[in-house]
PDB file of N, CA and C in Angstrom:
ATOM      1  N   MET A   1    -162.661  85.944  76.316  1.00  0.00           N
ATOM      2  CA  MET A   1    -161.937  86.588  75.235  1.00  0.00           C
ATOM      3  C   MET A   1    -161.879  85.640  74.036  1.00  0.00           C
ATOM      4  N   THR A   2    -161.980  86.188  72.861  1.00  0.00           N
ATOM      5  CA  THR A   2    -161.886  85.436  71.626  1.00  0.00           C
ATOM      6  C   THR A   2    -160.449  85.013  71.382  1.00  0.00           C
ATOM      7  N   ASP A   3    -160.252  83.790  70.870  1.00  0.00           N
ATOM      8  CA  ASP A   3    -158.904  83.332  70.510  1.00  0.00           C
ATOM      9  C   ASP A   3    -158.327  84.231  69.433  1.00  0.00           C
ATOM     10  N   ILE A   4    -157.040  84.480  69.536  1.00  0.00           N
ATOM     11  CA  ILE A   4    -156.317  85.231  68.511  1.00  0.00           C
ATOM     12  C   ILE A   4    -155.166  84.349  68.060  1.00  0.00           C
ATOM     13  N   LYS A   5    -155.125  84.048  66.787  1.00  0.00           N
ATOM     14  CA  LYS A   5    -154.101  83.161  66.255  1.00  0.00           C
ATOM     15  C   LYS A   5    -153.229  83.907  65.263  1.00  0.00           C
ATOM     16  N   LEU A   6    -151.926  83.805  65.436  1.00  0.00           N
ATOM     17  CA  LEU A   6    -150.991  84.368  64.470  1.00  0.00           C
ATOM     18  C   LEU A   6    -150.819  83.337  63.364  1.00  0.00           C
ATOM     19  N   GLU A   7    -151.161  83.707  62.141  1.00  0.00           N
ATOM     20  CA  GLU A   7    -151.129  82.749  61.048  1.00  0.00           C
ATOM     21  C   GLU A   7    -150.209  83.116  59.901  1.00  0.00           C
ATOM     22  N   LEU A   8    -149.832  84.394  59.771  1.00  0.00           N
ATOM     23  CA  LEU A   8    -149.020  84.807  58.635  1.00  0.00           C
ATOM     24  C   LEU A   8    -148.165  86.011  59.021  1.00  0.00           C
ATOM     25  N   VAL A   9    -146.865  85.919  58.737  1.00  0.00           N
ATOM     26  CA  VAL A   9    -145.931  87.005  59.019  1.00  0.00           C
ATOM     27  C   VAL A   9    -145.232  87.370  57.712  1.00  0.00           C
ATOM     28  N   ALA A  10    -145.263  88.647  57.352  1.00  0.00           N
ATOM     29  CA  ALA A  10    -144.595  89.113  56.135  1.00  0.00           C
ATOM     30  C   ALA A  10    -143.097  89.242  56.393  1.00  0.00           C
ATOM     31  N   VAL A  11    -142.312  88.702  55.485  1.00  0.00           N
ATOM     32  CA  VAL A  11    -140.851  88.777  55.563  1.00  0.00           C
ATOM     33  C   VAL A  11    -140.360  89.494  54.308  1.00  0.00           C
ATOM     34  N   PRO A  12    -139.851  90.726  54.452  1.00  0.00           N
ATOM     35  CA  PRO A  12    -139.405  91.471  53.266  1.00  0.00           C
ATOM     36  C   PRO A  12    -138.102  90.905  52.712  1.00  0.00           C
ATOM     37  N   VAL A  13    -138.068  90.670  51.415  1.00  0.00           N
ATOM     38  CA  VAL A  13    -136.884  90.100  50.761  1.00  0.00           C
ATOM     39  C   VAL A  13    -136.561  90.895  49.497  1.00  0.00           C
ATOM     40  N   THR A  14    -135.315  90.800  49.046  1.00  0.00           N
ATOM     41  CA  THR A  14    -134.917  91.487  47.817  1.00  0.00           C
ATOM     42  C   THR A  14    -135.128  90.616  46.585  1.00  0.00           C
ATOM     43  N   ASP A  15    -134.963  89.304  46.738  1.00  0.00           N
ATOM     44  CA  ASP A  15    -135.063  88.384  45.604  1.00  0.00           C
ATOM     45  C   ASP A  15    -136.041  87.274  45.991  1.00  0.00           C
ATOM     46  N   VAL A  16    -137.250  87.351  45.486  1.00  0.00           N
ATOM     47  CA  VAL A  16    -138.312  86.415  45.867  1.00  0.00           C
ATOM     48  C   VAL A  16    -137.946  84.976  45.527  1.00  0.00           C
ATOM     49  N   ASP A  17    -137.442  84.732  44.331  1.00  0.00           N
ATOM     50  CA  ASP A  17    -137.127  83.360  43.930  1.00  0.00           C
ATOM     51  C   ASP A  17    -135.998  82.771  44.784  1.00  0.00           C
ATOM     52  N   ARG A  18    -134.987  83.567  45.065  1.00  0.00           N
ATOM     53  CA  ARG A  18    -133.870  83.094  45.894  1.00  0.00           C
ATOM     54  C   ARG A  18    -134.349  82.817  47.312  1.00  0.00           C
ATOM     55  N   ALA A  19    -135.186  83.700  47.863  1.00  0.00           N
ATOM     56  CA  ALA A  19    -135.721  83.500  49.217  1.00  0.00           C
ATOM     57  C   ALA A  19    -136.622  82.265  49.266  1.00  0.00           C
ATOM     58  N   LYS A  20    -137.450  82.092  48.242  1.00  0.00           N
ATOM     59  CA  LYS A  20    -138.337  80.919  48.197  1.00  0.00           C
ATOM     60  C   LYS A  20    -137.504  79.635  48.174  1.00  0.00           C
ATOM     61  N   ALA A  21    -136.463  79.604  47.353  1.00  0.00           N
ATOM     62  CA  ALA A  21    -135.597  78.420  47.274  1.00  0.00           C
ATOM     63  C   ALA A  21    -134.920  78.154  48.612  1.00  0.00           C
ATOM     64  N   PHE A  22    -134.493  79.213  49.302  1.00  0.00           N
ATOM     65  CA  PHE A  22    -133.856  79.067  50.612  1.00  0.00           C
ATOM     66  C   PHE A  22    -134.820  78.430  51.613  1.00  0.00           C
ATOM     67  N   TYR A  23    -136.034  78.961  51.721  1.00  0.00           N
ATOM     68  CA  TYR A  23    -136.988  78.420  52.688  1.00  0.00           C
ATOM     69  C   TYR A  23    -137.415  76.999  52.323  1.00  0.00           C
ATOM     70  N   GLU A  24    -137.523  76.702  51.034  1.00  0.00           N
ATOM     71  CA  GLU A  24    -137.835  75.322  50.636  1.00  0.00           C
ATOM     72  C   GLU A  24    -136.691  74.389  51.024  1.00  0.00           C
ATOM     73  N   LYS A  25    -135.459  74.873  50.917  1.00  0.00           N
ATOM     74  CA  LYS A  25    -134.297  74.067  51.322  1.00  0.00           C
ATOM     75  C   LYS A  25    -134.344  73.780  52.824  1.00  0.00           C
ATOM     76  N   LEU A  26    -134.906  74.709  53.589  1.00  0.00           N
ATOM     77  CA  LEU A  26    -135.067  74.510  55.031  1.00  0.00           C
ATOM     78  C   LEU A  26    -136.176  73.511  55.349  1.00  0.00           C
ATOM     79  N   GLY A  27    -137.006  73.199  54.357  1.00  0.00           N
ATOM     80  CA  GLY A  27    -138.092  72.253  54.567  1.00  0.00           C
ATOM     81  C   GLY A  27    -139.468  72.896  54.601  1.00  0.00           C
ATOM     82  N   PHE A  28    -139.541  74.219  54.401  1.00  0.00           N
ATOM     83  CA  PHE A  28    -140.833  74.899  54.368  1.00  0.00           C
ATOM     84  C   PHE A  28    -141.599  74.447  53.125  1.00  0.00           C
ATOM     85  N   ASN A  29    -142.917  74.343  53.249  1.00  0.00           N
ATOM     86  CA  ASN A  29    -143.772  73.981  52.121  1.00  0.00           C
ATOM     87  C   ASN A  29    -144.257  75.258  51.429  1.00  0.00           C
ATOM     88  N   ALA A  30    -144.126  75.311  50.114  1.00  0.00           N
ATOM     89  CA  ALA A  30    -144.648  76.449  49.355  1.00  0.00           C
ATOM     90  C   ALA A  30    -146.139  76.219  49.133  1.00  0.00           C
ATOM     91  N   ASP A  31    -146.959  76.900  49.923  1.00  0.00           N
ATOM     92  CA  ASP A  31    -148.412  76.732  49.856  1.00  0.00           C
ATOM     93  C   ASP A  31    -149.026  77.492  48.687  1.00  0.00           C
ATOM     94  N   HIS A  32    -148.514  78.681  48.432  1.00  0.00           N
ATOM     95  CA  HIS A  32    -149.039  79.522  47.359  1.00  0.00           C
ATOM     96  C   HIS A  32    -147.889  80.278  46.708  1.00  0.00           C
ATOM     97  N   ASP A  33    -147.979  80.474  45.421  1.00  0.00           N
ATOM     98  CA  ASP A  33    -147.077  81.350  44.685  1.00  0.00           C
ATOM     99  C   ASP A  33    -147.904  81.945  43.558  1.00  0.00           C
ATOM    100  N   VAL A  34    -148.431  83.141  43.810  1.00  0.00           N
ATOM    101  CA  VAL A  34    -149.367  83.755  42.885  1.00  0.00           C
ATOM    102  C   VAL A  34    -148.866  85.134  42.474  1.00  0.00           C
ATOM    103  N   THR A  35    -148.761  85.346  41.187  1.00  0.00           N
ATOM    104  CA  THR A  35    -148.459  86.674  40.661  1.00  0.00           C
ATOM    105  C   THR A  35    -149.789  87.320  40.322  1.00  0.00           C
ATOM    106  N   VAL A  36    -150.138  88.327  41.102  1.00  0.00           N
ATOM    107  CA  VAL A  36    -151.423  89.014  40.938  1.00  0.00           C
ATOM    108  C   VAL A  36    -151.341  90.038  39.818  1.00  0.00           C
ATOM    109  N   SER A  37    -150.213  90.745  39.779  1.00  0.00           N
ATOM    110  CA  SER A  37    -149.994  91.759  38.750  1.00  0.00           C
ATOM    111  C   SER A  37    -148.493  91.975  38.636  1.00  0.00           C
ATOM    112  N   GLU A  38    -148.097  92.899  37.800  1.00  0.00           N
ATOM    113  CA  GLU A  38    -146.678  93.210  37.654  1.00  0.00           C
ATOM    114  C   GLU A  38    -146.080  93.719  38.970  1.00  0.00           C
ATOM    115  N   ASP A  39    -146.933  94.284  39.821  1.00  0.00           N
ATOM    116  CA  ASP A  39    -146.474  94.882  41.076  1.00  0.00           C
ATOM    117  C   ASP A  39    -146.701  94.009  42.306  1.00  0.00           C
ATOM    118  N   ILE A  40    -147.439  92.923  42.170  1.00  0.00           N
ATOM    119  CA  ILE A  40    -147.775  92.108  43.345  1.00  0.00           C
ATOM    120  C   ILE A  40    -147.549  90.621  43.063  1.00  0.00           C
ATOM    121  N   ARG A  41    -146.728  90.018  43.901  1.00  0.00           N
ATOM    122  CA  ARG A  41    -146.529  88.560  43.893  1.00  0.00           C
ATOM    123  C   ARG A  41    -146.603  88.095  45.336  1.00  0.00           C
ATOM    124  N   PHE A  42    -147.382  87.061  45.604  1.00  0.00           N
ATOM    125  CA  PHE A  42    -147.600  86.544  46.949  1.00  0.00           C
ATOM    126  C   PHE A  42    -147.119  85.104  47.025  1.00  0.00           C
ATOM    127  N   VAL A  43    -146.147  84.861  47.913  1.00  0.00           N
ATOM    128  CA  VAL A  43    -145.644  83.513  48.142  1.00  0.00           C
ATOM    129  C   VAL A  43    -145.817  83.209  49.627  1.00  0.00           C
ATOM    130  N   GLN A  44    -146.542  82.143  49.921  1.00  0.00           N
ATOM    131  CA  GLN A  44    -146.760  81.725  51.312  1.00  0.00           C
ATOM    132  C   GLN A  44    -146.023  80.420  51.536  1.00  0.00           C
ATOM    133  N   LEU A  45    -145.217  80.382  52.604  1.00  0.00           N
ATOM    134  CA  LEU A  45    -144.427  79.196  52.946  1.00  0.00           C
ATOM    135  C   LEU A  45    -144.684  78.834  54.402  1.00  0.00           C
ATOM    136  N   THR A  46    -144.838  77.543  54.658  1.00  0.00           N
ATOM    137  CA  THR A  46    -145.137  77.083  56.012  1.00  0.00           C
ATOM    138  C   THR A  46    -144.128  76.036  56.448  1.00  0.00           C
ATOM    139  N   PRO A  47    -143.531  76.224  57.641  1.00  0.00           N
ATOM    140  CA  PRO A  47    -142.630  75.196  58.159  1.00  0.00           C
ATOM    141  C   PRO A  47    -143.414  73.932  58.512  1.00  0.00           C
ATOM    142  N   PRO A  48    -142.779  72.763  58.422  1.00  0.00           N
ATOM    143  CA  PRO A  48    -143.493  71.527  58.748  1.00  0.00           C
ATOM    144  C   PRO A  48    -143.995  71.549  60.194  1.00  0.00           C
ATOM    145  N   GLY A  49    -145.276  71.219  60.362  1.00  0.00           N
ATOM    146  CA  GLY A  49    -145.866  71.145  61.693  1.00  0.00           C
ATOM    147  C   GLY A  49    -146.317  72.473  62.269  1.00  0.00           C
ATOM    148  N   SER A  50    -146.198  73.558  61.516  1.00  0.00           N
ATOM    149  CA  SER A  50    -146.538  74.882  62.033  1.00  0.00           C
ATOM    150  C   SER A  50    -147.920  75.325  61.582  1.00  0.00           C
ATOM    151  N   ALA A  51    -148.584  76.087  62.442  1.00  0.00           N
ATOM    152  CA  ALA A  51    -149.857  76.694  62.074  1.00  0.00           C
ATOM    153  C   ALA A  51    -149.650  78.112  61.565  1.00  0.00           C
ATOM    154  N   CYS A  52    -148.419  78.608  61.639  1.00  0.00           N
ATOM    155  CA  CYS A  52    -148.099  79.963  61.179  1.00  0.00           C
ATOM    156  C   CYS A  52    -147.190  79.883  59.957  1.00  0.00           C
ATOM    157  N   SER A  53    -147.470  80.716  58.976  1.00  0.00           N
ATOM    158  CA  SER A  53    -146.696  80.755  57.739  1.00  0.00           C
ATOM    159  C   SER A  53    -145.977  82.088  57.622  1.00  0.00           C
ATOM    160  N   ILE A  54    -145.076  82.165  56.639  1.00  0.00           N
ATOM    161  CA  ILE A  54    -144.478  83.438  56.274  1.00  0.00           C
ATOM    162  C   ILE A  54    -144.944  83.791  54.872  1.00  0.00           C
ATOM    163  N   ALA A  55    -144.955  85.081  54.580  1.00  0.00           N
ATOM    164  CA  ALA A  55    -145.296  85.553  53.243  1.00  0.00           C
ATOM    165  C   ALA A  55    -144.119  86.361  52.726  1.00  0.00           C
ATOM    166  N   ILE A  56    -143.641  85.992  51.551  1.00  0.00           N
ATOM    167  CA  ILE A  56    -142.618  86.769  50.868  1.00  0.00           C
ATOM    168  C   ILE A  56    -143.192  87.151  49.523  1.00  0.00           C
ATOM    169  N   GLY A  57    -142.601  88.113  48.886  1.00  0.00           N
ATOM    170  CA  GLY A  57    -143.096  88.461  47.566  1.00  0.00           C
ATOM    171  C   GLY A  57    -142.774  89.883  47.195  1.00  0.00           C
ATOM    172  N   LYS A  58    -143.605  90.413  46.355  1.00  0.00           N
ATOM    173  CA  LYS A  58    -143.432  91.762  45.831  1.00  0.00           C
ATOM    174  C   LYS A  58    -144.725  92.522  46.097  1.00  0.00           C
ATOM    175  N   GLY A  59    -144.592  93.732  46.656  1.00  0.00           N
ATOM    176  CA  GLY A  59    -145.767  94.557  46.904  1.00  0.00           C
ATOM    177  C   GLY A  59    -146.585  94.139  48.099  1.00  0.00           C
ATOM    178  N   LEU A  60    -145.985  93.385  49.033  1.00  0.00           N
ATOM    179  CA  LEU A  60    -146.729  92.887  50.189  1.00  0.00           C
ATOM    180  C   LEU A  60    -146.552  93.724  51.449  1.00  0.00           C
ATOM    181  N   THR A  61    -145.417  94.402  51.562  1.00  0.00           N
ATOM    182  CA  THR A  61    -145.122  95.137  52.780  1.00  0.00           C
ATOM    183  C   THR A  61    -144.297  96.368  52.451  1.00  0.00           C
ATOM    184  N   ARG A  62    -144.344  97.330  53.334  1.00  0.00           N
ATOM    185  CA  ARG A  62    -143.520  98.529  53.176  1.00  0.00           C
ATOM    186  C   ARG A  62    -142.179  98.383  53.885  1.00  0.00           C
ATOM    187  N   MET A  63    -141.997  97.281  54.612  1.00  0.00           N
ATOM    188  CA  MET A  63    -140.724  97.058  55.302  1.00  0.00           C
ATOM    189  C   MET A  63    -139.603  96.909  54.282  1.00  0.00           C
ATOM    190  N   THR A  64    -138.446  97.407  54.641  1.00  0.00           N
ATOM    191  CA  THR A  64    -137.256  97.284  53.804  1.00  0.00           C
ATOM    192  C   THR A  64    -136.709  95.867  53.938  1.00  0.00           C
ATOM    193  N   PRO A  65    -136.295  95.244  52.839  1.00  0.00           N
ATOM    194  CA  PRO A  65    -135.666  93.922  52.955  1.00  0.00           C
ATOM    195  C   PRO A  65    -134.532  93.967  53.980  1.00  0.00           C
ATOM    196  N   GLY A  66    -134.531  92.997  54.862  1.00  0.00           N
ATOM    197  CA  GLY A  66    -133.535  92.950  55.928  1.00  0.00           C
ATOM    198  C   GLY A  66    -134.020  93.606  57.215  1.00  0.00           C
ATOM    199  N   ALA A  67    -135.158  94.310  57.174  1.00  0.00           N
ATOM    200  CA  ALA A  67    -135.674  94.994  58.358  1.00  0.00           C
ATOM    201  C   ALA A  67    -136.089  93.984  59.439  1.00  0.00           C
ATOM    202  N   LEU A  68    -136.602  92.855  59.026  1.00  0.00           N
ATOM    203  CA  LEU A  68    -136.970  91.797  59.969  1.00  0.00           C
ATOM    204  C   LEU A  68    -135.719  90.971  60.192  1.00  0.00           C
ATOM    205  N   ASP A  69    -135.075  91.169  61.336  1.00  0.00           N
ATOM    206  CA  ASP A  69    -133.779  90.519  61.544  1.00  0.00           C
ATOM    207  C   ASP A  69    -133.830  89.390  62.563  1.00  0.00           C
ATOM    208  N   ASN A  70    -135.020  88.967  62.938  1.00  0.00           N
ATOM    209  CA  ASN A  70    -135.119  87.903  63.930  1.00  0.00           C
ATOM    210  C   ASN A  70    -136.434  87.161  63.738  1.00  0.00           C
ATOM    211  N   MET A  71    -136.324  85.882  63.483  1.00  0.00           N
ATOM    212  CA  MET A  71    -137.499  85.028  63.410  1.00  0.00           C
ATOM    213  C   MET A  71    -137.163  83.785  64.217  1.00  0.00           C
ATOM    214  N   GLN A  72    -138.015  83.427  65.135  1.00  0.00           N
ATOM    215  CA  GLN A  72    -137.721  82.301  66.017  1.00  0.00           C
ATOM    216  C   GLN A  72    -138.631  81.126  65.679  1.00  0.00           C
ATOM    217  N   VAL A  73    -138.021  79.978  65.496  1.00  0.00           N
ATOM    218  CA  VAL A  73    -138.772  78.743  65.283  1.00  0.00           C
ATOM    219  C   VAL A  73    -138.441  77.791  66.427  1.00  0.00           C
ATOM    220  N   VAL A  74    -139.326  76.859  66.685  1.00  0.00           N
ATOM    221  CA  VAL A  74    -139.165  75.940  67.807  1.00  0.00           C
ATOM    222  C   VAL A  74    -139.157  74.506  67.280  1.00  0.00           C
ATOM    223  N   VAL A  75    -138.238  73.702  67.783  1.00  0.00           N
ATOM    224  CA  VAL A  75    -138.163  72.288  67.415  1.00  0.00           C
ATOM    225  C   VAL A  75    -138.155  71.450  68.684  1.00  0.00           C
ATOM    226  N   THR A  76    -138.540  70.193  68.568  1.00  0.00           N
ATOM    227  CA  THR A  76    -138.547  69.330  69.754  1.00  0.00           C
ATOM    228  C   THR A  76    -137.164  68.755  70.040  1.00  0.00           C
ATOM    229  N   ASP A  77    -136.334  68.611  69.010  1.00  0.00           N
ATOM    230  CA  ASP A  77    -134.998  68.037  69.188  1.00  0.00           C
ATOM    231  C   ASP A  77    -133.999  68.848  68.378  1.00  0.00           C
ATOM    232  N   ILE A  78    -133.237  69.688  69.055  1.00  0.00           N
ATOM    233  CA  ILE A  78    -132.332  70.612  68.362  1.00  0.00           C
ATOM    234  C   ILE A  78    -131.220  69.877  67.616  1.00  0.00           C
ATOM    235  N   GLU A  79    -130.698  68.797  68.202  1.00  0.00           N
ATOM    236  CA  GLU A  79    -129.635  68.054  67.515  1.00  0.00           C
ATOM    237  C   GLU A  79    -130.151  67.429  66.231  1.00  0.00           C
ATOM    238  N   GLU A  80    -131.362  66.883  66.276  1.00  0.00           N
ATOM    239  CA  GLU A  80    -131.963  66.291  65.078  1.00  0.00           C
ATOM    240  C   GLU A  80    -132.211  67.358  64.010  1.00  0.00           C
ATOM    241  N   ALA A  81    -132.720  68.510  64.421  1.00  0.00           N
ATOM    242  CA  ALA A  81    -132.970  69.602  63.481  1.00  0.00           C
ATOM    243  C   ALA A  81    -131.661  70.099  62.873  1.00  0.00           C
ATOM    244  N   TYR A  82    -130.642  70.209  63.693  1.00  0.00           N
ATOM    245  CA  TYR A  82    -129.319  70.655  63.243  1.00  0.00           C
ATOM    246  C   TYR A  82    -128.784  69.710  62.162  1.00  0.00           C
ATOM    247  N   GLU A  83    -128.834  68.412  62.425  1.00  0.00           N
ATOM    248  CA  GLU A  83    -128.331  67.425  61.464  1.00  0.00           C
ATOM    249  C   GLU A  83    -129.189  67.403  60.200  1.00  0.00           C
ATOM    250  N   ASP A  84    -130.497  67.586  60.355  1.00  0.00           N
ATOM    251  CA  ASP A  84    -131.383  67.635  59.185  1.00  0.00           C
ATOM    252  C   ASP A  84    -131.010  68.806  58.286  1.00  0.00           C
ATOM    253  N   LEU A  85    -130.796  69.983  58.874  1.00  0.00           N
ATOM    254  CA  LEU A  85    -130.415  71.157  58.078  1.00  0.00           C
ATOM    255  C   LEU A  85    -129.069  70.946  57.397  1.00  0.00           C
ATOM    256  N   ARG A  86    -128.114  70.420  58.115  1.00  0.00           N
ATOM    257  CA  ARG A  86    -126.797  70.148  57.517  1.00  0.00           C
ATOM    258  C   ARG A  86    -126.936  69.159  56.366  1.00  0.00           C
ATOM    259  N   GLY A  87    -127.793  68.148  56.541  1.00  0.00           N
ATOM    260  CA  GLY A  87    -128.026  67.165  55.491  1.00  0.00           C
ATOM    261  C   GLY A  87    -128.667  67.767  54.250  1.00  0.00           C
ATOM    262  N   ARG A  88    -129.387  68.860  54.426  1.00  0.00           N
ATOM    263  CA  ARG A  88    -130.006  69.557  53.299  1.00  0.00           C
ATOM    264  C   ARG A  88    -129.046  70.539  52.637  1.00  0.00           C
ATOM    265  N   GLY A  89    -127.820  70.631  53.189  1.00  0.00           N
ATOM    266  CA  GLY A  89    -126.828  71.543  52.631  1.00  0.00           C
ATOM    267  C   GLY A  89    -126.952  72.972  53.127  1.00  0.00           C
ATOM    268  N   VAL A  90    -127.674  73.164  54.245  1.00  0.00           N
ATOM    269  CA  VAL A  90    -127.837  74.498  54.818  1.00  0.00           C
ATOM    270  C   VAL A  90    -126.636  74.796  55.708  1.00  0.00           C
ATOM    271  N   GLU A  91    -126.058  75.972  55.532  1.00  0.00           N
ATOM    272  CA  GLU A  91    -124.940  76.403  56.362  1.00  0.00           C
ATOM    273  C   GLU A  91    -125.490  76.827  57.717  1.00  0.00           C
ATOM    274  N   VAL A  92    -125.116  76.128  58.772  1.00  0.00           N
ATOM    275  CA  VAL A  92    -125.610  76.443  60.118  1.00  0.00           C
ATOM    276  C   VAL A  92    -124.435  76.633  61.066  1.00  0.00           C
ATOM    277  N   THR A  93    -124.645  77.474  62.079  1.00  0.00           N
ATOM    278  CA  THR A  93    -123.626  77.653  63.118  1.00  0.00           C
ATOM    279  C   THR A  93    -123.808  76.561  64.162  1.00  0.00           C
ATOM    280  N   GLU A  94    -122.849  76.442  65.043  1.00  0.00           N
ATOM    281  CA  GLU A  94    -122.950  75.456  66.117  1.00  0.00           C
ATOM    282  C   GLU A  94    -124.146  75.780  67.019  1.00  0.00           C
ATOM    283  N   ILE A  95    -124.691  74.770  67.656  1.00  0.00           N
ATOM    284  CA  ILE A  95    -125.803  74.946  68.595  1.00  0.00           C
ATOM    285  C   ILE A  95    -125.298  75.715  69.799  1.00  0.00           C
ATOM    286  N   GLN A  96    -126.056  76.701  70.238  1.00  0.00           N
ATOM    287  CA  GLN A  96    -125.713  77.491  71.409  1.00  0.00           C
ATOM    288  C   GLN A  96    -126.762  77.287  72.489  1.00  0.00           C
ATOM    289  N   ASP A  97    -126.331  77.030  73.714  1.00  0.00           N
ATOM    290  CA  ASP A  97    -127.241  76.978  74.853  1.00  0.00           C
ATOM    291  C   ASP A  97    -127.313  78.367  75.455  1.00  0.00           C
ATOM    292  N   LEU A  98    -128.503  78.966  75.428  1.00  0.00           N
ATOM    293  CA  LEU A  98    -128.697  80.307  75.930  1.00  0.00           C
ATOM    294  C   LEU A  98    -129.460  80.251  77.252  1.00  0.00           C
ATOM    295  N   PRO A  99    -129.295  81.252  78.106  1.00  0.00           N
ATOM    296  CA  PRO A  99    -129.930  81.235  79.434  1.00  0.00           C
ATOM    297  C   PRO A  99    -131.444  81.067  79.416  1.00  0.00           C
ATOM    298  N   TRP A 100    -132.103  81.519  78.352  1.00  0.00           N
ATOM    299  CA  TRP A 100    -133.567  81.426  78.310  1.00  0.00           C
ATOM    300  C   TRP A 100    -134.067  80.158  77.629  1.00  0.00           C
ATOM    301  N   GLY A 101    -133.147  79.281  77.230  1.00  0.00           N
ATOM    302  CA  GLY A 101    -133.542  77.983  76.680  1.00  0.00           C
ATOM    303  C   GLY A 101    -133.379  77.880  75.199  1.00  0.00           C
TER     304      GLY A 101
END
């Protein structure tokens, strides 16, 4: 079987600039920010160390902003990631240990 790699996930947002600033605050790298036309803007952001990016923008998806309500990221050290986010001024909830890890 041929390898299948997930490389880009569209995330519908209401305010592209605010969403871009939020993800950059999380440490995501803004790989592309291209306004193609008045109706299309493509912003690609990649978390550090990830082979998969997210795409936000205008005219990219038919999903309603807020329709994607769950995105899971993986870190090697949750306490370190938690403190890093807090240090960046990101509002985070306490770490929860869940049955599935």
